[in-house]
Amino acid sequence: MSGGYLLLRRGGVLWGIDNTVVTGLTRRGDSFQVSLGDAALAADEVLCVVDGLRIQPAAALRRFWPGGGAGVTGLAVHGEQPLVIVDPQRPPELLWLDDGADTGEVIDGER
């Protein structure tokens, strides 16, 4: 059974991350830290977890995406909004957590 996708917004883009790899969620002032084991990503907004996304390969996106689509595995639509599916092994630079920020308040240390 799938763990769904955690949907978040960063830099005006809607992102989906496989929820089974998310190990924690921490508030950092007006933003959030999404922990993926040893890696940490930043989010402006955390929306929800959804199941049943119909994911399309991101081959066409790679032509236009900065960095050739590195860290992107597919595209989907939730509601009427397009979203980008993240490769949790090498997430796009747009999601990297800025260094030097405080650790914040833990919202959910475990899934």
C-alpha atoms as a PDB file:
ATOM      1  CA  MET A   1       0.000   0.000   0.000  1.00  0.00           C
ATOM      2  CA  SER A   2       1.283   3.476  -0.919  1.00  0.00           C
ATOM      3  CA  GLY A   3       1.993   6.096   1.727  1.00  0.00           C
ATOM      4  CA  GLY A   4       0.832   8.828  -0.644  1.00  0.00           C
ATOM      5  CA  TYR A   5       2.596  12.079  -1.420  1.00  0.00           C
ATOM      6  CA  LEU A   6       3.214  15.000   0.895  1.00  0.00           C
ATOM      7  CA  LEU A   7       2.245  18.155  -1.006  1.00  0.00           C
ATOM      8  CA  LEU A   8       4.084  21.369  -0.272  1.00  0.00           C
ATOM      9  CA  ARG A   9       4.656  24.725  -1.866  1.00  0.00           C
ATOM     10  CA  ARG A  10       8.086  26.312  -2.313  1.00  0.00           C
ATOM     11  CA  GLY A  11       8.956  29.262  -4.526  1.00  0.00           C
ATOM     12  CA  GLY A  12       5.447  29.341  -6.003  1.00  0.00           C
ATOM     13  CA  VAL A  13       5.711  25.715  -7.197  1.00  0.00           C
ATOM     14  CA  LEU A  14       3.557  22.833  -5.913  1.00  0.00           C
ATOM     15  CA  TRP A  15       5.740  19.801  -5.074  1.00  0.00           C
ATOM     16  CA  GLY A  16       4.950  16.184  -4.191  1.00  0.00           C
ATOM     17  CA  ILE A  17       7.308  14.021  -2.118  1.00  0.00           C
ATOM     18  CA  ASP A  18       6.825  10.304  -1.452  1.00  0.00           C
ATOM     19  CA  ASN A  19       5.439  10.371   2.102  1.00  0.00           C
ATOM     20  CA  THR A  20       7.121   7.068   3.002  1.00  0.00           C
ATOM     21  CA  VAL A  21      10.539   8.790   2.966  1.00  0.00           C
ATOM     22  CA  VAL A  22       9.464  11.750   5.136  1.00  0.00           C
ATOM     23  CA  THR A  23      10.848  11.311   8.656  1.00  0.00           C
ATOM     24  CA  GLY A  24       9.866  14.639  10.200  1.00  0.00           C
ATOM     25  CA  LEU A  25       8.225  18.006   9.799  1.00  0.00           C
ATOM     26  CA  THR A  26       9.406  21.083  11.706  1.00  0.00           C
ATOM     27  CA  ARG A  27       8.096  24.644  11.747  1.00  0.00           C
ATOM     28  CA  ARG A  28      10.838  27.224  11.079  1.00  0.00           C
ATOM     29  CA  GLY A  29       9.271  30.647  11.650  1.00  0.00           C
ATOM     30  CA  ASP A  30       7.035  31.258   8.629  1.00  0.00           C
ATOM     31  CA  SER A  31       8.295  28.171   6.785  1.00  0.00           C
ATOM     32  CA  PHE A  32       8.842  24.438   7.357  1.00  0.00           C
ATOM     33  CA  GLN A  33      11.643  21.892   7.325  1.00  0.00           C
ATOM     34  CA  VAL A  34      10.806  18.525   5.789  1.00  0.00           C
ATOM     35  CA  SER A  35      13.249  15.833   6.921  1.00  0.00           C
ATOM     36  CA  LEU A  36      14.089  12.908   4.639  1.00  0.00           C
ATOM     37  CA  GLY A  37      16.462  10.877   6.783  1.00  0.00           C
ATOM     38  CA  ASP A  38      19.808  12.686   6.551  1.00  0.00           C
ATOM     39  CA  ALA A  39      18.530  15.337   4.124  1.00  0.00           C
ATOM     40  CA  ALA A  40      16.345  18.352   4.941  1.00  0.00           C
ATOM     41  CA  LEU A  41      14.197  20.365   2.545  1.00  0.00           C
ATOM     42  CA  ALA A  42      12.471  23.727   2.933  1.00  0.00           C
ATOM     43  CA  ALA A  43       8.797  24.465   2.315  1.00  0.00           C
ATOM     44  CA  ASP A  44       6.896  27.742   2.368  1.00  0.00           C
ATOM     45  CA  GLU A  45       3.648  25.861   2.995  1.00  0.00           C
ATOM     46  CA  VAL A  46       2.719  22.247   3.763  1.00  0.00           C
ATOM     47  CA  LEU A  47      -0.665  21.355   2.290  1.00  0.00           C
ATOM     48  CA  CYS A  48      -1.649  17.696   2.768  1.00  0.00           C
ATOM     49  CA  VAL A  49      -0.903  14.058   1.983  1.00  0.00           C
ATOM     50  CA  VAL A  50      -2.720  12.618  -1.033  1.00  0.00           C
ATOM     51  CA  ASP A  51      -3.061   9.128  -2.485  1.00  0.00           C
ATOM     52  CA  GLY A  52      -3.713   8.105  -6.033  1.00  0.00           C
ATOM     53  CA  LEU A  53      -1.793  10.693  -8.021  1.00  0.00           C
ATOM     54  CA  ARG A  54      -1.510   9.866 -11.697  1.00  0.00           C
ATOM     55  CA  ILE A  55       2.164  10.591 -12.286  1.00  0.00           C
ATOM     56  CA  GLN A  56       3.461  11.296 -15.763  1.00  0.00           C
ATOM     57  CA  PRO A  57       7.168  11.027 -16.684  1.00  0.00           C
ATOM     58  CA  ALA A  58       8.969  14.379 -16.609  1.00  0.00           C
ATOM     59  CA  ALA A  59      10.924  13.955 -19.860  1.00  0.00           C
ATOM     60  CA  ALA A  60       9.430  17.066 -21.507  1.00  0.00           C
ATOM     61  CA  LEU A  61       9.974  19.150 -18.380  1.00  0.00           C
ATOM     62  CA  ARG A  62      13.691  18.368 -18.356  1.00  0.00           C
ATOM     63  CA  ARG A  63      14.156  20.421 -21.502  1.00  0.00           C
ATOM     64  CA  PHE A  64      12.886  23.595 -19.833  1.00  0.00           C
ATOM     65  CA  TRP A  65      13.649  23.027 -16.138  1.00  0.00           C
ATOM     66  CA  PRO A  66      16.751  24.696 -14.629  1.00  0.00           C
ATOM     67  CA  GLY A  67      19.522  22.128 -14.277  1.00  0.00           C
ATOM     68  CA  GLY A  68      17.976  19.804 -16.848  1.00  0.00           C
ATOM     69  CA  GLY A  69      15.293  18.521 -14.508  1.00  0.00           C
ATOM     70  CA  ALA A  70      17.679  17.138 -11.891  1.00  0.00           C
ATOM     71  CA  GLY A  71      15.730  15.908  -8.895  1.00  0.00           C
ATOM     72  CA  VAL A  72      12.392  15.705 -10.713  1.00  0.00           C
ATOM     73  CA  THR A  73      10.849  12.301 -11.449  1.00  0.00           C
ATOM     74  CA  GLY A  74       7.436  13.241 -12.787  1.00  0.00           C
ATOM     75  CA  LEU A  75       4.468  15.557 -13.058  1.00  0.00           C
ATOM     76  CA  ALA A  76       0.933  15.212 -11.735  1.00  0.00           C
ATOM     77  CA  VAL A  77      -2.222  17.219 -11.142  1.00  0.00           C
ATOM     78  CA  HIS A  78      -4.009  17.575  -7.809  1.00  0.00           C
ATOM     79  CA  GLY A  79      -7.365  19.297  -8.031  1.00  0.00           C
ATOM     80  CA  GLU A  80      -6.677  21.662 -10.879  1.00  0.00           C
ATOM     81  CA  GLN A  81      -3.094  22.440  -9.886  1.00  0.00           C
ATOM     82  CA  PRO A  82      -0.046  20.946 -11.610  1.00  0.00           C
ATOM     83  CA  LEU A  83       2.650  19.604  -9.323  1.00  0.00           C
ATOM     84  CA  VAL A  84       6.213  18.397  -9.650  1.00  0.00           C
ATOM     85  CA  ILE A  85       7.190  15.011  -8.177  1.00  0.00           C
ATOM     86  CA  VAL A  86      10.516  15.137  -6.326  1.00  0.00           C
ATOM     87  CA  ASP A  87      13.245  12.512  -6.465  1.00  0.00           C
ATOM     88  CA  PRO A  88      13.908  12.108  -2.706  1.00  0.00           C
ATOM     89  CA  GLN A  89      17.406  10.737  -3.378  1.00  0.00           C
ATOM     90  CA  ARG A  90      18.485  14.003  -5.047  1.00  0.00           C
ATOM     91  CA  PRO A  91      15.897  16.748  -4.578  1.00  0.00           C
ATOM     92  CA  PRO A  92      16.023  19.894  -6.737  1.00  0.00           C
ATOM     93  CA  GLU A  93      18.134  22.771  -5.467  1.00  0.00           C
ATOM     94  CA  LEU A  94      14.970  24.905  -5.186  1.00  0.00           C
ATOM     95  CA  LEU A  95      13.956  22.750  -2.196  1.00  0.00           C
ATOM     96  CA  TRP A  96      17.273  22.692  -0.370  1.00  0.00           C
ATOM     97  CA  LEU A  97      17.158  24.019   3.159  1.00  0.00           C
ATOM     98  CA  ASP A  98      19.034  27.300   3.688  1.00  0.00           C
ATOM     99  CA  ASP A  99      21.961  26.922   6.084  1.00  0.00           C
ATOM    100  CA  GLY A 100      22.129  28.807   9.352  1.00  0.00           C
ATOM    101  CA  ALA A 101      18.424  28.820  10.224  1.00  0.00           C
ATOM    102  CA  ASP A 102      17.286  27.755  13.680  1.00  0.00           C
ATOM    103  CA  THR A 103      15.994  24.225  14.256  1.00  0.00           C
ATOM    104  CA  GLY A 104      12.455  25.373  15.017  1.00  0.00           C
ATOM    105  CA  GLU A 105       9.588  23.627  16.739  1.00  0.00           C
ATOM    106  CA  VAL A 106       8.996  19.956  15.950  1.00  0.00           C
ATOM    107  CA  ILE A 107       5.461  19.402  14.661  1.00  0.00           C
ATOM    108  CA  ASP A 108       5.613  15.692  13.948  1.00  0.00           C
ATOM    109  CA  GLY A 109       8.882  13.907  14.690  1.00  0.00           C
ATOM    110  CA  GLU A 110       7.520  10.615  13.382  1.00  0.00           C
ATOM    111  CA  ARG A 111       5.136   9.740  10.616  1.00  0.00           C
END
